[in-house]
Protein backbone atom coordinates (compact mmCIF):
# COMPACT_ATOMS: atom_id res chain seq x y z
CA MET A 1 -6.04 7.18 8.89
CA TRP A 2 -4.03 8.27 5.93
CA SER A 3 -4.03 5.42 3.55
CA ILE A 4 -7.50 5.88 3.60
CA THR A 5 -6.90 9.21 2.51
CA VAL A 6 -4.47 8.13 -0.78
CA ALA A 7 -6.83 5.06 -1.17
CA ARG A 8 -9.75 7.56 -1.97
CA ALA A 9 -7.08 9.77 -3.88
CA HIS A 10 -6.32 6.70 -6.26
CA GLY A 11 -9.69 4.92 -5.69
CA VAL A 12 -8.38 1.84 -4.54
CA SER A 13 -8.83 0.05 -1.15
CA PRO A 14 -6.34 1.08 2.03
CA SER A 15 -4.84 -2.65 1.98
CA GLN A 16 -3.67 -1.79 -1.57
CA VAL A 17 -2.11 1.42 -0.72
CA ARG A 18 -0.49 -0.12 2.48
CA LEU A 19 0.75 -2.87 0.14
CA ALA A 20 2.05 -0.89 -2.74
CA TRP A 21 3.68 0.97 -0.01
CA THR A 22 5.32 -2.10 1.25
CA LEU A 23 6.20 -3.22 -2.27
CA ARG A 24 8.39 0.18 -2.33
CA GLN A 25 10.52 -0.09 0.84
CA GLY A 26 13.48 -1.49 -1.19
CA LYS A 27 14.77 -4.86 -2.54
CA HIS A 28 15.09 -6.08 0.99
CA ILE A 29 11.58 -6.38 1.91
CA LEU A 30 9.47 -9.10 0.71
CA ALA A 31 5.77 -8.59 1.22
CA ILE A 32 3.81 -12.11 2.08
CA PRO A 33 0.04 -11.05 1.54
CA GLY A 34 -1.86 -14.14 2.18
CA THR A 35 -5.52 -14.49 1.14
CA GLY A 36 -8.24 -17.53 0.65
CA ASN A 37 -10.40 -15.22 -1.31
CA PRO A 38 -10.29 -14.40 -4.78
CA ASP A 39 -11.16 -11.03 -4.91
CA HIS A 40 -8.57 -10.24 -2.11
CA LEU A 41 -5.87 -12.06 -4.68
CA ILE A 42 -6.81 -9.47 -7.27
CA ASP A 43 -6.80 -6.58 -4.83
CA ASN A 44 -3.27 -7.46 -3.93
CA LEU A 45 -1.80 -8.27 -7.64
CA ALA A 46 -3.28 -4.83 -8.46
CA ALA A 47 -1.69 -3.10 -5.57
CA GLY A 48 1.89 -3.84 -7.39
CA SER A 49 0.79 -1.51 -10.30
CA LEU A 50 -0.35 0.89 -8.13
CA HIS A 51 1.63 4.38 -8.58
CA LEU A 52 1.98 5.98 -5.43
CA THR A 53 3.14 9.95 -5.61
CA ALA A 54 5.78 11.41 -4.00
CA GLU A 55 3.48 13.33 -1.87
CA ASP A 56 1.80 9.62 -1.11
CA LEU A 57 4.94 8.28 -0.15
CA GLU A 58 6.22 10.96 2.34
CA LEU A 59 2.82 11.12 3.90
CA LEU A 60 2.92 7.19 3.89
CA ASP A 61 6.58 7.30 5.29
CA ALA A 62 5.94 9.78 8.16
CA ILE A 63 3.42 7.24 9.47
CA ASP A 64 5.63 4.61 9.81
CA ARG A 65 8.11 6.87 11.59
CA THR A 66 5.65 7.57 14.16
CA ALA A 67 4.38 4.51 14.73
CA PRO A 68 5.15 2.93 17.94
């Protein structure tokens, strides 16, 4: 899974990568992650400041285009 590759490159979790990617899809997209776990909440908040490179976004966008 490419999100794992991107996550390893940034030292973050795949869920943080997926959330960061979602947040960069435009102002018309709203991400609403839910959690009852304080550690996951911290991870979710950190995803907002994760800088995905143009190459990361291109790779993740390609996955989105091929998804069923």
